[in-house]
Amino acid sequence: MARNKEFEEKVVLKKAMDLFWGQGYEKTSLQDLVNQMGIHRRSIYDTFGNKYELFLASLEYYESFVHQKFTEIIVIAPTTKDAIRNIFRYVLNSMELNDSPVGCLAVNTTTELSSIDSDIKKIVTEMFRDSERMFEELLEKGRLNGEFKEDINPQLTAQYLHNNLVGFRVLVKADYSKAEFERMLDLVLKVLD
């Protein structure tokens, strides 16, 4: 008779995601995952597959986690520009929060693995394209409601904003002050004036 799972799949997947996010794929051993997730090695294999498959599941979970956070930010923002600013601020606030590693799992994965793994390269590229589409939708909404100039190019500006967001996700790991980030953010958002 098969044993029932004694763990919540999403809870242990988040633990794996946090470990990969903090250490990277190569530096994370299967024993690290067993220790972090609090489940047996056999349970990892039975539920998620091998380490690589668990990593892919962690990336997918991360994307849904970020999408949910950004959606929450967008929904409560009084203006489109506030929504964009608050997405950047969410990244900046990650420096002070202890509920997740600092930075971005997608960015970390890109720098660690995309040059040696074409499947990973496709996955992270699509994750980045999703972020660009989010910005593009916000910019189009702002253009249509008169918040932004009529001649703004939503696609190009979305790529510009996303590129800067990726830069912020890297720089939060360095020793920049919050005041320095706020000044950089003001400059980045001048394109919307």
N, C-alpha and C. Protein backbone atom coordinates (compact mmCIF):
# COMPACT_ATOMS: atom_id res chain seq x y z
N MET A 1 0.84 -1.19 0.00
CA MET A 1 0.00 0.00 0.00
C MET A 1 0.89 1.25 0.00
N ALA A 2 0.55 2.22 -0.83
CA ALA A 2 1.34 3.45 -0.94
C ALA A 2 1.12 4.32 0.29
N ARG A 3 2.19 4.98 0.72
CA ARG A 3 2.12 5.91 1.85
C ARG A 3 1.58 7.25 1.40
N ASN A 4 0.79 7.89 2.24
CA ASN A 4 0.34 9.25 1.97
C ASN A 4 1.48 10.22 2.19
N LYS A 5 1.50 11.29 1.40
CA LYS A 5 2.52 12.32 1.60
C LYS A 5 2.29 12.99 2.94
N GLU A 6 3.38 13.23 3.63
CA GLU A 6 3.30 13.87 4.94
C GLU A 6 3.79 15.31 4.86
N PHE A 7 3.66 15.91 3.69
CA PHE A 7 4.11 17.30 3.52
C PHE A 7 3.24 17.98 2.49
N GLU A 8 3.19 19.29 2.59
CA GLU A 8 2.48 20.12 1.63
C GLU A 8 3.45 20.45 0.51
N GLU A 9 3.11 20.06 -0.72
CA GLU A 9 4.02 20.19 -1.86
C GLU A 9 4.51 21.62 -2.07
N LYS A 10 3.61 22.60 -2.01
CA LYS A 10 4.01 23.98 -2.25
C LYS A 10 4.91 24.52 -1.15
N VAL A 11 4.72 24.06 0.06
CA VAL A 11 5.55 24.51 1.19
C VAL A 11 6.99 24.04 0.99
N VAL A 12 7.18 22.76 0.65
CA VAL A 12 8.53 22.26 0.46
C VAL A 12 9.15 22.78 -0.83
N LEU A 13 8.31 23.05 -1.84
CA LEU A 13 8.83 23.62 -3.09
C LEU A 13 9.35 25.04 -2.84
N LYS A 14 8.65 25.81 -2.02
CA LYS A 14 9.13 27.15 -1.66
C LYS A 14 10.48 27.06 -0.94
N LYS A 15 10.63 26.08 -0.08
CA LYS A 15 11.91 25.90 0.63
C LYS A 15 13.03 25.58 -0.36
N ALA A 16 12.74 24.74 -1.34
CA ALA A 16 13.74 24.43 -2.37
C ALA A 16 14.05 25.67 -3.19
N MET A 17 13.01 26.42 -3.57
CA MET A 17 13.20 27.65 -4.34
C MET A 17 14.12 28.61 -3.59
N ASP A 18 13.85 28.81 -2.30
CA ASP A 18 14.67 29.72 -1.50
C ASP A 18 16.13 29.27 -1.44
N LEU A 19 16.34 27.97 -1.36
CA LEU A 19 17.72 27.46 -1.31
C LEU A 19 18.43 27.68 -2.65
N PHE A 20 17.77 27.33 -3.74
CA PHE A 20 18.36 27.58 -5.06
C PHE A 20 18.59 29.08 -5.27
N TRP A 21 17.66 29.89 -4.84
CA TRP A 21 17.74 31.34 -4.96
C TRP A 21 18.95 31.88 -4.20
N GLY A 22 19.16 31.38 -3.02
CA GLY A 22 20.26 31.86 -2.19
C GLY A 22 21.63 31.31 -2.56
N GLN A 23 21.68 30.05 -3.01
CA GLN A 23 22.97 29.39 -3.27
C GLN A 23 23.28 29.17 -4.73
N GLY A 24 22.26 29.14 -5.57
CA GLY A 24 22.46 28.78 -6.96
C GLY A 24 22.28 27.28 -7.16
N TYR A 25 22.20 26.88 -8.41
CA TYR A 25 21.96 25.48 -8.73
C TYR A 25 23.17 24.61 -8.41
N GLU A 26 24.33 25.01 -8.90
CA GLU A 26 25.52 24.17 -8.77
C GLU A 26 25.95 23.98 -7.32
N LYS A 27 25.81 25.01 -6.50
CA LYS A 27 26.26 24.93 -5.10
C LYS A 27 25.26 24.22 -4.19
N THR A 28 24.11 23.90 -4.72
CA THR A 28 23.08 23.23 -3.91
C THR A 28 23.13 21.73 -4.16
N SER A 29 23.43 20.99 -3.12
CA SER A 29 23.49 19.53 -3.24
C SER A 29 22.13 18.94 -2.91
N LEU A 30 21.95 17.69 -3.27
CA LEU A 30 20.71 17.01 -2.95
C LEU A 30 20.55 16.92 -1.42
N GLN A 31 21.65 16.74 -0.72
CA GLN A 31 21.57 16.69 0.75
C GLN A 31 21.15 18.05 1.32
N ASP A 32 21.64 19.14 0.72
CA ASP A 32 21.18 20.47 1.13
C ASP A 32 19.67 20.57 0.98
N LEU A 33 19.15 20.05 -0.14
CA LEU A 33 17.71 20.11 -0.39
C LEU A 33 16.94 19.26 0.61
N VAL A 34 17.44 18.07 0.91
CA VAL A 34 16.81 17.21 1.92
C VAL A 34 16.73 17.96 3.25
N ASN A 35 17.84 18.56 3.65
CA ASN A 35 17.88 19.29 4.92
C ASN A 35 16.94 20.49 4.92
N GLN A 36 16.95 21.26 3.84
CA GLN A 36 16.14 22.48 3.75
C GLN A 36 14.65 22.17 3.66
N MET A 37 14.32 21.18 2.84
CA MET A 37 12.92 20.87 2.60
C MET A 37 12.30 20.06 3.74
N GLY A 38 13.15 19.36 4.50
CA GLY A 38 12.65 18.56 5.62
C GLY A 38 11.90 17.31 5.19
N ILE A 39 12.25 16.82 4.00
CA ILE A 39 11.63 15.57 3.53
C ILE A 39 12.74 14.62 3.07
N HIS A 40 12.39 13.36 2.92
CA HIS A 40 13.36 12.34 2.52
C HIS A 40 13.73 12.48 1.05
N ARG A 41 14.91 12.04 0.76
CA ARG A 41 15.43 12.04 -0.61
C ARG A 41 14.45 11.32 -1.56
N ARG A 42 13.94 10.19 -1.10
CA ARG A 42 12.99 9.42 -1.93
C ARG A 42 11.74 10.24 -2.22
N SER A 43 11.30 11.03 -1.25
CA SER A 43 10.11 11.88 -1.46
C SER A 43 10.38 12.96 -2.50
N ILE A 44 11.60 13.47 -2.50
CA ILE A 44 11.97 14.46 -3.53
C ILE A 44 11.88 13.82 -4.91
N TYR A 45 12.48 12.65 -5.05
CA TYR A 45 12.47 11.96 -6.35
C TYR A 45 11.04 11.61 -6.76
N ASP A 46 10.25 11.09 -5.83
CA ASP A 46 8.89 10.66 -6.15
C ASP A 46 7.99 11.84 -6.52
N THR A 47 8.21 12.98 -5.88
CA THR A 47 7.32 14.13 -6.07
C THR A 47 7.80 15.07 -7.18
N PHE A 48 9.11 15.32 -7.22
CA PHE A 48 9.63 16.34 -8.14
C PHE A 48 10.56 15.79 -9.21
N GLY A 49 11.09 14.61 -9.02
CA GLY A 49 12.07 14.07 -9.95
C GLY A 49 13.47 14.33 -9.42
N ASN A 50 14.42 14.45 -10.32
CA ASN A 50 15.81 14.66 -9.90
C ASN A 50 16.04 16.14 -9.54
N LYS A 51 17.26 16.46 -9.18
CA LYS A 51 17.59 17.83 -8.76
C LYS A 51 17.27 18.85 -9.86
N TYR A 52 17.58 18.52 -11.09
CA TYR A 52 17.32 19.43 -12.20
C TYR A 52 15.82 19.69 -12.36
N GLU A 53 15.04 18.64 -12.29
CA GLU A 53 13.58 18.79 -12.41
C GLU A 53 13.01 19.60 -11.24
N LEU A 54 13.57 19.39 -10.05
CA LEU A 54 13.17 20.19 -8.89
C LEU A 54 13.53 21.65 -9.11
N PHE A 55 14.68 21.89 -9.70
CA PHE A 55 15.09 23.26 -9.99
C PHE A 55 14.12 23.91 -10.98
N LEU A 56 13.74 23.19 -12.02
CA LEU A 56 12.78 23.72 -12.99
C LEU A 56 11.44 24.03 -12.32
N ALA A 57 11.00 23.15 -11.43
CA ALA A 57 9.76 23.39 -10.68
C ALA A 57 9.91 24.62 -9.79
N SER A 58 11.10 24.80 -9.23
CA SER A 58 11.38 25.97 -8.38
C SER A 58 11.33 27.26 -9.20
N LEU A 59 11.87 27.23 -10.41
CA LEU A 59 11.80 28.39 -11.30
C LEU A 59 10.36 28.74 -11.64
N GLU A 60 9.57 27.72 -11.93
CA GLU A 60 8.15 27.95 -12.24
C GLU A 60 7.42 28.52 -11.02
N TYR A 61 7.72 27.98 -9.86
CA TYR A 61 7.10 28.48 -8.63
C TYR A 61 7.52 29.93 -8.39
N TYR A 62 8.79 30.22 -8.63
CA TYR A 62 9.30 31.59 -8.46
C TYR A 62 8.56 32.55 -9.39
N GLU A 63 8.38 32.15 -10.64
CA GLU A 63 7.69 33.03 -11.58
C GLU A 63 6.27 33.33 -11.12
N SER A 64 5.58 32.32 -10.62
CA SER A 64 4.21 32.56 -10.14
C SER A 64 4.22 33.43 -8.89
N PHE A 65 5.22 33.26 -8.04
CA PHE A 65 5.39 34.06 -6.82
C PHE A 65 5.60 35.53 -7.19
N VAL A 66 6.50 35.80 -8.12
CA VAL A 66 6.78 37.18 -8.55
C VAL A 66 5.58 37.78 -9.26
N HIS A 67 4.94 36.99 -10.12
CA HIS A 67 3.75 37.48 -10.84
C HIS A 67 2.66 37.90 -9.83
N GLN A 68 2.47 37.08 -8.81
CA GLN A 68 1.45 37.40 -7.80
C GLN A 68 1.81 38.69 -7.07
N LYS A 69 3.07 38.84 -6.67
CA LYS A 69 3.50 40.05 -5.96
C LYS A 69 3.30 41.29 -6.84
N PHE A 70 3.73 41.21 -8.09
CA PHE A 70 3.60 42.36 -8.98
C PHE A 70 2.13 42.68 -9.25
N THR A 71 1.30 41.65 -9.39
CA THR A 71 -0.14 41.88 -9.59
C THR A 71 -0.74 42.60 -8.39
N GLU A 72 -0.37 42.18 -7.18
CA GLU A 72 -0.86 42.84 -5.97
C GLU A 72 -0.45 44.31 -5.96
N ILE A 73 0.78 44.58 -6.34
CA ILE A 73 1.30 45.96 -6.38
C ILE A 73 0.51 46.79 -7.38
N ILE A 74 0.28 46.24 -8.56
CA ILE A 74 -0.41 46.96 -9.63
C ILE A 74 -1.85 47.27 -9.22
N VAL A 75 -2.53 46.31 -8.63
CA VAL A 75 -3.94 46.46 -8.29
C VAL A 75 -4.17 47.60 -7.28
N ILE A 76 -3.26 47.75 -6.31
CA ILE A 76 -3.50 48.76 -5.27
C ILE A 76 -2.90 50.13 -5.59
N ALA A 77 -2.12 50.22 -6.65
CA ALA A 77 -1.48 51.50 -6.99
C ALA A 77 -2.51 52.50 -7.50
N PRO A 78 -2.47 53.75 -7.02
CA PRO A 78 -3.44 54.75 -7.47
C PRO A 78 -3.25 55.19 -8.92
N THR A 79 -2.01 55.12 -9.42
CA THR A 79 -1.75 55.50 -10.81
C THR A 79 -0.85 54.44 -11.45
N THR A 80 -0.78 54.49 -12.76
CA THR A 80 0.10 53.56 -13.48
C THR A 80 1.56 53.83 -13.13
N LYS A 81 1.94 55.10 -13.06
CA LYS A 81 3.33 55.42 -12.72
C LYS A 81 3.65 54.95 -11.30
N ASP A 82 2.70 55.08 -10.38
CA ASP A 82 2.91 54.56 -9.03
C ASP A 82 3.11 53.05 -9.05
N ALA A 83 2.34 52.35 -9.89
CA ALA A 83 2.49 50.90 -10.00
C ALA A 83 3.92 50.55 -10.44
N ILE A 84 4.41 51.25 -11.45
CA ILE A 84 5.76 50.99 -11.95
C ILE A 84 6.80 51.31 -10.87
N ARG A 85 6.65 52.46 -10.23
CA ARG A 85 7.58 52.84 -9.16
C ARG A 85 7.56 51.81 -8.03
N ASN A 86 6.37 51.34 -7.68
CA ASN A 86 6.24 50.41 -6.56
C ASN A 86 6.79 49.02 -6.87
N ILE A 87 6.78 48.64 -8.15
CA ILE A 87 7.44 47.38 -8.53
C ILE A 87 8.94 47.49 -8.27
N PHE A 88 9.54 48.62 -8.64
CA PHE A 88 10.95 48.84 -8.36
C PHE A 88 11.19 48.88 -6.85
N ARG A 89 10.31 49.54 -6.13
CA ARG A 89 10.48 49.65 -4.67
C ARG A 89 10.37 48.29 -3.99
N TYR A 90 9.55 47.42 -4.53
CA TYR A 90 9.45 46.07 -3.99
C TYR A 90 10.82 45.38 -4.04
N VAL A 91 11.50 45.55 -5.17
CA VAL A 91 12.84 44.98 -5.31
C VAL A 91 13.79 45.62 -4.29
N LEU A 92 13.70 46.94 -4.14
CA LEU A 92 14.57 47.63 -3.19
C LEU A 92 14.28 47.21 -1.76
N ASN A 93 13.01 47.01 -1.45
CA ASN A 93 12.65 46.61 -0.09
C ASN A 93 13.12 45.21 0.25
N SER A 94 13.42 44.41 -0.78
CA SER A 94 13.91 43.06 -0.52
C SER A 94 15.25 43.08 0.23
N MET A 95 15.94 44.23 0.17
CA MET A 95 17.20 44.35 0.91
C MET A 95 16.94 44.26 2.41
N GLU A 96 15.75 44.68 2.85
CA GLU A 96 15.45 44.75 4.28
C GLU A 96 14.59 43.59 4.76
N LEU A 97 13.96 42.88 3.85
CA LEU A 97 13.09 41.77 4.23
C LEU A 97 13.92 40.51 4.44
N ASN A 98 13.46 39.68 5.34
CA ASN A 98 14.16 38.42 5.58
C ASN A 98 13.33 37.21 5.17
N ASP A 99 12.25 37.44 4.40
CA ASP A 99 11.39 36.32 4.03
C ASP A 99 11.84 35.62 2.74
N SER A 100 12.79 36.20 2.02
CA SER A 100 13.33 35.62 0.80
C SER A 100 14.77 36.07 0.64
N PRO A 101 15.55 35.34 -0.15
CA PRO A 101 16.90 35.82 -0.46
C PRO A 101 16.83 37.14 -1.22
N VAL A 102 17.91 37.89 -1.17
CA VAL A 102 17.98 39.17 -1.87
C VAL A 102 18.28 38.92 -3.34
N GLY A 103 17.74 39.76 -4.19
CA GLY A 103 18.02 39.65 -5.62
C GLY A 103 16.90 38.93 -6.34
N CYS A 104 17.26 38.19 -7.38
CA CYS A 104 16.26 37.58 -8.26
C CYS A 104 16.76 36.20 -8.71
N LEU A 105 15.93 35.20 -8.51
CA LEU A 105 16.30 33.85 -8.94
C LEU A 105 16.48 33.76 -10.45
N ALA A 106 15.64 34.47 -11.21
CA ALA A 106 15.76 34.43 -12.67
C ALA A 106 17.08 35.05 -13.13
N VAL A 107 17.46 36.17 -12.53
CA VAL A 107 18.73 36.82 -12.88
C VAL A 107 19.89 35.92 -12.49
N ASN A 108 19.84 35.38 -11.27
CA ASN A 108 20.91 34.48 -10.81
C ASN A 108 21.05 33.29 -11.75
N THR A 109 19.92 32.72 -12.15
CA THR A 109 19.93 31.56 -13.04
C THR A 109 20.50 31.91 -14.40
N THR A 110 20.16 33.10 -14.88
CA THR A 110 20.68 33.54 -16.18
C THR A 110 22.20 33.60 -16.14
N THR A 111 22.74 34.21 -15.10
CA THR A 111 24.19 34.36 -15.04
C THR A 111 24.89 33.04 -14.75
N GLU A 112 24.23 32.14 -14.05
CA GLU A 112 24.86 30.87 -13.71
C GLU A 112 24.75 29.82 -14.81
N LEU A 113 23.58 29.74 -15.45
CA LEU A 113 23.33 28.56 -16.28
C LEU A 113 22.96 28.80 -17.74
N SER A 114 22.47 29.99 -18.10
CA SER A 114 21.92 30.15 -19.45
C SER A 114 22.95 29.97 -20.55
N SER A 115 24.22 30.21 -20.27
CA SER A 115 25.23 30.05 -21.32
C SER A 115 25.60 28.58 -21.53
N ILE A 116 25.21 27.70 -20.61
CA ILE A 116 25.57 26.28 -20.74
C ILE A 116 24.35 25.36 -20.86
N ASP A 117 23.14 25.93 -20.74
CA ASP A 117 21.94 25.11 -20.80
C ASP A 117 20.88 25.83 -21.63
N SER A 118 20.64 25.34 -22.84
CA SER A 118 19.72 26.03 -23.74
C SER A 118 18.28 26.01 -23.24
N ASP A 119 17.88 24.96 -22.51
CA ASP A 119 16.52 24.92 -21.96
C ASP A 119 16.34 26.01 -20.91
N ILE A 120 17.33 26.15 -20.05
CA ILE A 120 17.28 27.20 -19.03
C ILE A 120 17.26 28.57 -19.70
N LYS A 121 18.07 28.74 -20.73
CA LYS A 121 18.11 30.01 -21.46
C LYS A 121 16.72 30.38 -21.98
N LYS A 122 16.01 29.41 -22.55
CA LYS A 122 14.65 29.66 -23.05
C LYS A 122 13.70 30.02 -21.91
N ILE A 123 13.80 29.32 -20.81
CA ILE A 123 12.91 29.55 -19.67
C ILE A 123 13.11 30.95 -19.11
N VAL A 124 14.36 31.34 -18.84
CA VAL A 124 14.59 32.66 -18.24
C VAL A 124 14.28 33.78 -19.23
N THR A 125 14.54 33.54 -20.50
CA THR A 125 14.17 34.54 -21.51
C THR A 125 12.67 34.78 -21.50
N GLU A 126 11.90 33.71 -21.41
CA GLU A 126 10.44 33.85 -21.36
C GLU A 126 10.00 34.55 -20.08
N MET A 127 10.68 34.26 -18.97
CA MET A 127 10.36 34.96 -17.71
C MET A 127 10.60 36.46 -17.88
N PHE A 128 11.70 36.82 -18.50
CA PHE A 128 12.01 38.23 -18.73
C PHE A 128 11.00 38.85 -19.69
N ARG A 129 10.62 38.12 -20.73
CA ARG A 129 9.62 38.63 -21.68
C ARG A 129 8.28 38.86 -20.98
N ASP A 130 7.94 37.99 -20.03
CA ASP A 130 6.70 38.19 -19.26
C ASP A 130 6.74 39.51 -18.49
N SER A 131 7.89 39.81 -17.89
CA SER A 131 8.04 41.08 -17.16
C SER A 131 7.93 42.27 -18.12
N GLU A 132 8.54 42.13 -19.28
CA GLU A 132 8.45 43.20 -20.27
C GLU A 132 7.00 43.41 -20.71
N ARG A 133 6.27 42.31 -20.92
CA ARG A 133 4.85 42.42 -21.30
C ARG A 133 4.04 43.11 -20.21
N MET A 134 4.35 42.81 -18.95
CA MET A 134 3.67 43.46 -17.84
C MET A 134 3.89 44.97 -17.90
N PHE A 135 5.14 45.39 -18.07
CA PHE A 135 5.44 46.81 -18.18
C PHE A 135 4.76 47.41 -19.42
N GLU A 136 4.78 46.67 -20.52
CA GLU A 136 4.17 47.18 -21.76
C GLU A 136 2.67 47.43 -21.56
N GLU A 137 2.00 46.50 -20.90
CA GLU A 137 0.57 46.67 -20.63
C GLU A 137 0.32 47.90 -19.74
N LEU A 138 1.16 48.07 -18.74
CA LEU A 138 1.03 49.24 -17.86
C LEU A 138 1.25 50.53 -18.65
N LEU A 139 2.26 50.54 -19.49
CA LEU A 139 2.57 51.74 -20.27
C LEU A 139 1.45 52.06 -21.26
N GLU A 140 0.90 51.04 -21.89
CA GLU A 140 -0.20 51.26 -22.82
C GLU A 140 -1.42 51.81 -22.07
N LYS A 141 -1.69 51.25 -20.90
CA LYS A 141 -2.79 51.75 -20.08
C LYS A 141 -2.56 53.22 -19.72
N GLY A 142 -1.34 53.54 -19.28
CA GLY A 142 -1.02 54.93 -18.94
C GLY A 142 -1.09 55.86 -20.13
N ARG A 143 -0.70 55.37 -21.29
CA ARG A 143 -0.79 56.18 -22.51
C ARG A 143 -2.25 56.45 -22.87
N LEU A 144 -3.08 55.42 -22.79
CA LEU A 144 -4.48 55.56 -23.16
C LEU A 144 -5.27 56.44 -22.18
N ASN A 145 -4.88 56.39 -20.90
CA ASN A 145 -5.62 57.23 -19.93
C ASN A 145 -5.02 58.63 -19.77
N GLY A 146 -4.02 58.94 -20.60
CA GLY A 146 -3.45 60.29 -20.61
C GLY A 146 -2.39 60.53 -19.56
N GLU A 147 -2.00 59.51 -18.85
CA GLU A 147 -0.97 59.66 -17.82
C GLU A 147 0.42 59.81 -18.45
N PHE A 148 0.64 59.17 -19.59
CA PHE A 148 1.91 59.26 -20.30
C PHE A 148 1.69 59.91 -21.66
N LYS A 149 2.79 60.37 -22.24
CA LYS A 149 2.72 61.01 -23.56
C LYS A 149 2.14 60.04 -24.59
N GLU A 150 1.42 60.61 -25.52
CA GLU A 150 0.80 59.82 -26.59
C GLU A 150 1.85 59.12 -27.45
N ASP A 151 3.02 59.75 -27.62
CA ASP A 151 4.03 59.17 -28.51
C ASP A 151 5.00 58.21 -27.81
N ILE A 152 4.72 57.84 -26.56
CA ILE A 152 5.58 56.88 -25.87
C ILE A 152 5.52 55.54 -26.61
N ASN A 153 6.64 54.87 -26.71
CA ASN A 153 6.69 53.56 -27.34
C ASN A 153 6.61 52.51 -26.22
N PRO A 154 5.43 51.93 -25.99
CA PRO A 154 5.28 51.02 -24.85
C PRO A 154 6.24 49.82 -24.88
N GLN A 155 6.47 49.25 -26.06
CA GLN A 155 7.34 48.07 -26.14
C GLN A 155 8.79 48.42 -25.80
N LEU A 156 9.32 49.44 -26.43
CA LEU A 156 10.70 49.84 -26.19
C LEU A 156 10.89 50.34 -24.76
N THR A 157 9.94 51.11 -24.27
CA THR A 157 10.03 51.63 -22.91
C THR A 157 9.92 50.49 -21.90
N ALA A 158 9.10 49.49 -22.20
CA ALA A 158 8.99 48.32 -21.33
C ALA A 158 10.32 47.58 -21.24
N GLN A 159 11.02 47.45 -22.37
CA GLN A 159 12.33 46.80 -22.36
C GLN A 159 13.33 47.62 -21.54
N TYR A 160 13.26 48.93 -21.68
CA TYR A 160 14.12 49.83 -20.91
C TYR A 160 13.85 49.66 -19.41
N LEU A 161 12.59 49.67 -19.03
CA LEU A 161 12.24 49.53 -17.60
C LEU A 161 12.68 48.17 -17.08
N HIS A 162 12.42 47.13 -17.86
CA HIS A 162 12.81 45.79 -17.41
C HIS A 162 14.33 45.68 -17.26
N ASN A 163 15.06 46.24 -18.20
CA ASN A 163 16.51 46.21 -18.12
C ASN A 163 17.00 46.87 -16.83
N ASN A 164 16.39 47.99 -16.49
CA ASN A 164 16.75 48.66 -15.25
C ASN A 164 16.33 47.86 -14.02
N LEU A 165 15.18 47.20 -14.09
CA LEU A 165 14.73 46.37 -12.98
C LEU A 165 15.72 45.23 -12.74
N VAL A 166 16.20 44.61 -13.83
CA VAL A 166 17.20 43.55 -13.70
C VAL A 166 18.46 44.12 -13.04
N GLY A 167 18.87 45.31 -13.45
CA GLY A 167 20.03 45.95 -12.83
C GLY A 167 19.83 46.18 -11.34
N PHE A 168 18.65 46.63 -10.97
CA PHE A 168 18.35 46.83 -9.55
C PHE A 168 18.41 45.50 -8.80
N ARG A 169 17.92 44.44 -9.42
CA ARG A 169 17.91 43.13 -8.78
C ARG A 169 19.33 42.61 -8.53
N VAL A 170 20.26 43.07 -9.34
CA VAL A 170 21.67 42.72 -9.12
C VAL A 170 22.27 43.63 -8.06
N LEU A 171 22.03 44.93 -8.19
CA LEU A 171 22.65 45.90 -7.28
C LEU A 171 22.18 45.79 -5.84
N VAL A 172 20.97 45.24 -5.60
CA VAL A 172 20.53 45.10 -4.21
C VAL A 172 21.43 44.15 -3.43
N LYS A 173 22.22 43.34 -4.14
CA LYS A 173 23.15 42.44 -3.48
C LYS A 173 24.46 43.15 -3.10
N ALA A 174 24.66 44.35 -3.63
CA ALA A 174 25.88 45.11 -3.35
C ALA A 174 25.61 46.08 -2.20
N ASP A 175 26.54 46.97 -1.98
CA ASP A 175 26.47 47.86 -0.82
C ASP A 175 26.05 49.27 -1.22
N TYR A 176 24.92 49.38 -1.91
CA TYR A 176 24.35 50.68 -2.25
C TYR A 176 23.33 51.05 -1.18
N SER A 177 23.21 52.34 -0.90
CA SER A 177 22.23 52.78 0.10
C SER A 177 20.86 52.90 -0.55
N LYS A 178 19.85 52.92 0.29
CA LYS A 178 18.49 53.09 -0.20
C LYS A 178 18.34 54.46 -0.87
N ALA A 179 19.01 55.47 -0.33
CA ALA A 179 18.96 56.81 -0.92
C ALA A 179 19.55 56.80 -2.33
N GLU A 180 20.63 56.07 -2.53
CA GLU A 180 21.23 55.97 -3.88
C GLU A 180 20.25 55.30 -4.85
N PHE A 181 19.59 54.24 -4.38
CA PHE A 181 18.61 53.57 -5.23
C PHE A 181 17.44 54.49 -5.57
N GLU A 182 16.98 55.25 -4.60
CA GLU A 182 15.86 56.17 -4.85
C GLU A 182 16.24 57.21 -5.91
N ARG A 183 17.47 57.71 -5.85
CA ARG A 183 17.93 58.67 -6.87
C ARG A 183 18.00 58.01 -8.24
N MET A 184 18.52 56.78 -8.29
CA MET A 184 18.57 56.06 -9.56
C MET A 184 17.16 55.81 -10.10
N LEU A 185 16.24 55.46 -9.20
CA LEU A 185 14.88 55.19 -9.61
C LEU A 185 14.22 56.45 -10.17
N ASP A 186 14.44 57.58 -9.53
CA ASP A 186 13.89 58.84 -10.05
C ASP A 186 14.37 59.08 -11.47
N LEU A 187 15.65 58.82 -11.72
CA LEU A 187 16.21 59.02 -13.05
C LEU A 187 15.62 58.03 -14.06
N VAL A 188 15.50 56.76 -13.66
CA VAL A 188 14.91 55.75 -14.55
C VAL A 188 13.50 56.14 -14.96
N LEU A 189 12.72 56.65 -14.03
CA LEU A 189 11.32 56.96 -14.30
C LEU A 189 11.12 58.29 -15.03
N LYS A 190 12.18 59.07 -15.21
CA LYS A 190 12.06 60.32 -15.97
C LYS A 190 11.59 60.06 -17.39
N VAL A 191 11.84 58.87 -17.91
CA VAL A 191 11.39 58.53 -19.26
C VAL A 191 9.87 58.60 -19.37
N LEU A 192 9.18 58.52 -18.24
CA LEU A 192 7.71 58.53 -18.26
C LEU A 192 7.13 59.94 -18.19
N ASP A 193 7.97 60.93 -17.92
CA ASP A 193 7.48 62.31 -17.80
C ASP A 193 7.17 62.91 -19.16
